Amino acid sequence: MADSSAADPSDDSPEPGSTPDPAAAKTRGDRVSDVTNWFIHGVELAAAALFALLFGIGVIDLAIQIAESVPTGAITDPNTVIGFIETGLLLLIIVEVYETVVAYIEQSDTRRIVRLVIYTGVIAMVRKVIIFRTTEYSTTQDALFAAVSYTIIIGGLVALLFVERSVGNSILSE
């Protein structure tokens, strides 16, 4: 007679007292989800590294531009200074985008990510206002339309920032 205590090899149930193998319990969908999550996380890390690299290159480029404009006296030209400010604000936008990517990587709360996106938008629009020149438009009406559009966008971003802060403060005080 066969020993009744011997385990049937076709029986996949765990023995009493043993812990089930979590890898064996995963479905194909779980495994696909794990692989795609790993891939997305890797792409997020690569994007963060790319933005950090772009920021570093931009800072070096800005320093070179400033250093080259000093001996020639171009540093006193308002258009040159506005170009430096434009580059500096672009670098700040890169930093804000980097911070947003890092917030996604760290799986920060949605409020932090939204706040970072709003800050990025505000910086981008301030940059557009600083470099705004009516001479870049074919007609005065086109320039006016652009100015009104910038004003509406900045107003919307400021309103979003106000709402985000007031809602955040009311949530924290409860």
Protein backbone atom coordinates (compact mmCIF):
# COMPACT_ATOMS: atom_id res chain seq x y z
CA MET A 1 0.00 0.00 0.00
CA ALA A 2 1.10 3.50 -0.69
CA ASP A 3 1.93 5.82 2.15
CA SER A 4 -1.02 8.18 2.57
CA SER A 5 1.20 10.84 4.12
CA ALA A 6 3.21 11.30 0.91
CA ALA A 7 2.31 14.48 -0.97
CA ASP A 8 0.67 14.20 -4.34
CA PRO A 9 3.01 15.97 -6.84
CA SER A 10 0.02 17.36 -8.74
CA ASP A 11 -1.30 19.07 -5.60
CA ASP A 12 -0.26 22.77 -5.65
CA SER A 13 -1.68 23.61 -2.24
CA PRO A 14 0.88 24.74 0.29
CA GLU A 15 1.66 22.50 3.18
CA PRO A 16 0.22 23.56 6.53
CA GLY A 17 2.54 25.97 8.32
CA SER A 18 4.42 26.98 5.14
CA THR A 19 4.14 30.39 3.49
CA PRO A 20 2.92 30.51 -0.09
CA ASP A 21 5.37 31.72 -2.75
CA PRO A 22 4.24 35.26 -3.72
CA ALA A 23 5.77 34.92 -7.21
CA ALA A 24 3.70 31.81 -7.86
CA ALA A 25 0.53 33.61 -6.77
CA LYS A 26 0.98 36.39 -9.35
CA THR A 27 -1.15 36.28 -12.42
CA ARG A 28 0.14 37.04 -15.89
CA GLY A 29 -1.52 40.47 -15.63
CA ASP A 30 0.35 41.16 -12.39
CA ARG A 31 3.65 40.24 -14.01
CA VAL A 32 2.93 42.45 -17.05
CA SER A 33 1.94 45.28 -14.71
CA ASP A 34 5.19 44.85 -12.75
CA VAL A 35 7.29 44.96 -15.94
CA THR A 36 5.51 48.05 -17.30
CA ASN A 37 5.78 49.80 -13.91
CA TRP A 38 9.49 48.99 -13.86
CA PHE A 39 9.82 50.37 -17.41
CA ILE A 40 7.92 53.58 -16.57
CA HIS A 41 10.03 54.09 -13.45
CA GLY A 42 13.20 53.65 -15.53
CA VAL A 43 11.99 56.19 -18.11
CA GLU A 44 11.12 58.64 -15.31
CA LEU A 45 14.63 58.26 -13.90
CA ALA A 46 16.13 58.78 -17.36
CA ALA A 47 13.99 61.90 -17.86
CA ALA A 48 15.10 63.28 -14.49
CA ALA A 49 18.75 62.66 -15.39
CA LEU A 50 18.23 64.32 -18.78
CA PHE A 51 16.68 67.44 -17.22
CA ALA A 52 19.51 67.60 -14.66
CA LEU A 53 22.02 67.37 -17.52
CA LEU A 54 20.20 70.07 -19.51
CA PHE A 55 20.22 72.32 -16.45
CA GLY A 56 23.95 71.82 -15.94
CA ILE A 57 24.71 72.53 -19.60
CA GLY A 58 22.46 75.60 -19.49
CA VAL A 59 24.19 77.03 -16.43
CA ILE A 60 27.60 76.56 -18.04
CA ASP A 61 26.34 78.14 -21.28
CA LEU A 62 24.89 81.13 -19.41
CA ALA A 63 28.16 81.63 -17.53
CA ILE A 64 30.09 81.53 -20.83
CA GLN A 65 27.68 84.04 -22.43
CA ILE A 66 28.09 86.43 -19.49
CA ALA A 67 31.87 86.02 -19.46
CA GLU A 68 32.05 86.74 -23.20
CA SER A 69 29.86 89.85 -22.95
CA VAL A 70 31.90 91.52 -20.20
CA PRO A 71 35.10 92.30 -22.19
CA THR A 72 33.14 93.54 -25.22
CA GLY A 73 30.90 95.80 -23.13
CA ALA A 74 27.78 94.05 -24.41
CA ILE A 75 26.84 93.34 -20.79
CA THR A 76 25.52 96.92 -20.60
CA ASP A 77 23.16 96.41 -23.54
CA PRO A 78 19.59 95.97 -22.22
CA ASN A 79 18.79 93.40 -24.94
CA THR A 80 21.78 91.32 -23.86
CA VAL A 81 20.69 91.48 -20.22
CA ILE A 82 17.15 90.49 -21.22
CA GLY A 83 18.67 87.54 -23.08
CA PHE A 84 20.46 86.49 -19.88
CA ILE A 85 17.23 86.81 -17.91
CA GLU A 86 15.41 84.77 -20.55
CA THR A 87 18.03 82.04 -20.31
CA GLY A 88 17.94 82.13 -16.50
CA LEU A 89 14.15 81.78 -16.47
CA LEU A 90 14.39 78.92 -18.96
CA LEU A 91 16.78 77.23 -16.55
CA LEU A 92 14.25 77.71 -13.75
CA ILE A 93 11.59 76.10 -15.94
CA ILE A 94 13.93 73.14 -16.47
CA VAL A 95 14.39 72.88 -12.69
CA GLU A 96 10.62 72.95 -12.12
CA VAL A 97 10.07 70.25 -14.75
CA TYR A 98 12.84 68.22 -13.10
CA GLU A 99 11.12 68.66 -9.71
CA THR A 100 7.84 67.52 -11.26
CA VAL A 101 9.45 64.38 -12.66
CA VAL A 102 11.08 63.67 -9.29
CA ALA A 103 7.71 64.13 -7.58
CA TYR A 104 6.25 61.52 -9.94
CA ILE A 105 9.17 59.17 -9.21
CA GLU A 106 8.71 59.60 -5.46
CA GLN A 107 4.96 59.20 -5.96
CA SER A 108 4.33 62.43 -4.08
CA ASP A 109 0.84 63.59 -3.35
CA THR A 110 -1.11 65.07 -6.22
CA ARG A 111 -1.25 68.51 -4.59
CA ARG A 112 2.55 68.80 -4.67
CA ILE A 113 2.66 67.82 -8.34
CA VAL A 114 -0.12 70.26 -9.24
CA ARG A 115 1.67 73.04 -7.35
CA LEU A 116 4.89 72.31 -9.25
CA VAL A 117 3.06 72.39 -12.58
CA ILE A 118 1.46 75.74 -11.67
CA TYR A 119 4.84 77.18 -10.66
CA THR A 120 6.31 75.99 -13.95
CA GLY A 121 3.48 77.71 -15.83
CA VAL A 122 3.92 80.95 -13.90
CA ILE A 123 7.66 81.01 -14.58
CA ALA A 124 7.09 80.24 -18.27
CA MET A 125 4.54 83.04 -18.62
CA VAL A 126 6.70 85.54 -16.71
CA ARG A 127 9.48 84.64 -19.12
CA LYS A 128 7.16 85.32 -22.08
CA VAL A 129 6.19 88.71 -20.60
CA ILE A 130 9.80 89.71 -19.97
CA ILE A 131 10.87 88.92 -23.53
CA PHE A 132 7.67 90.34 -25.06
CA ARG A 133 8.46 92.81 -27.84
CA THR A 134 5.74 94.42 -29.93
CA THR A 135 8.18 94.67 -32.84
CA GLU A 136 8.10 90.87 -33.18
CA TYR A 137 4.51 91.01 -34.41
CA SER A 138 3.38 92.02 -37.87
CA THR A 139 0.60 94.31 -36.62
CA THR A 140 -0.23 96.11 -33.43
CA GLN A 141 -3.43 94.11 -33.25
CA ASP A 142 -1.42 90.86 -33.22
CA ALA A 143 0.78 92.23 -30.43
CA LEU A 144 -2.28 93.31 -28.45
CA PHE A 145 -3.89 89.88 -28.93
CA ALA A 146 -0.71 88.19 -27.65
CA ALA A 147 -0.51 90.55 -24.66
CA VAL A 148 -4.15 89.93 -23.73
CA SER A 149 -3.63 86.17 -24.10
CA TYR A 150 -0.58 86.27 -21.82
CA THR A 151 -2.55 88.30 -19.28
CA ILE A 152 -5.44 85.83 -19.28
CA ILE A 153 -3.10 82.86 -18.89
CA ILE A 154 -1.16 84.52 -16.04
CA GLY A 155 -4.44 85.48 -14.35
CA GLY A 156 -5.65 81.90 -14.62
CA LEU A 157 -2.41 80.53 -13.20
CA VAL A 158 -2.47 83.00 -10.31
CA ALA A 159 -6.10 82.06 -9.62
CA LEU A 160 -5.15 78.36 -9.65
CA LEU A 161 -2.29 79.04 -7.26
CA PHE A 162 -4.61 81.01 -4.96
CA VAL A 163 -7.21 78.23 -4.98
CA GLU A 164 -4.58 75.55 -4.41
CA ARG A 165 -3.13 77.45 -1.45
CA SER A 166 -6.50 78.30 0.11
CA VAL A 167 -7.77 74.74 -0.27
CA GLY A 168 -4.49 73.41 1.09
CA ASN A 169 -4.66 75.71 4.12
CA SER A 170 -8.26 74.74 4.85
CA ILE A 171 -7.40 71.05 4.59
CA LEU A 172 -4.45 71.48 6.96
CA SER A 173 -6.51 73.41 9.53
CA GLU A 174 -9.18 70.70 9.80
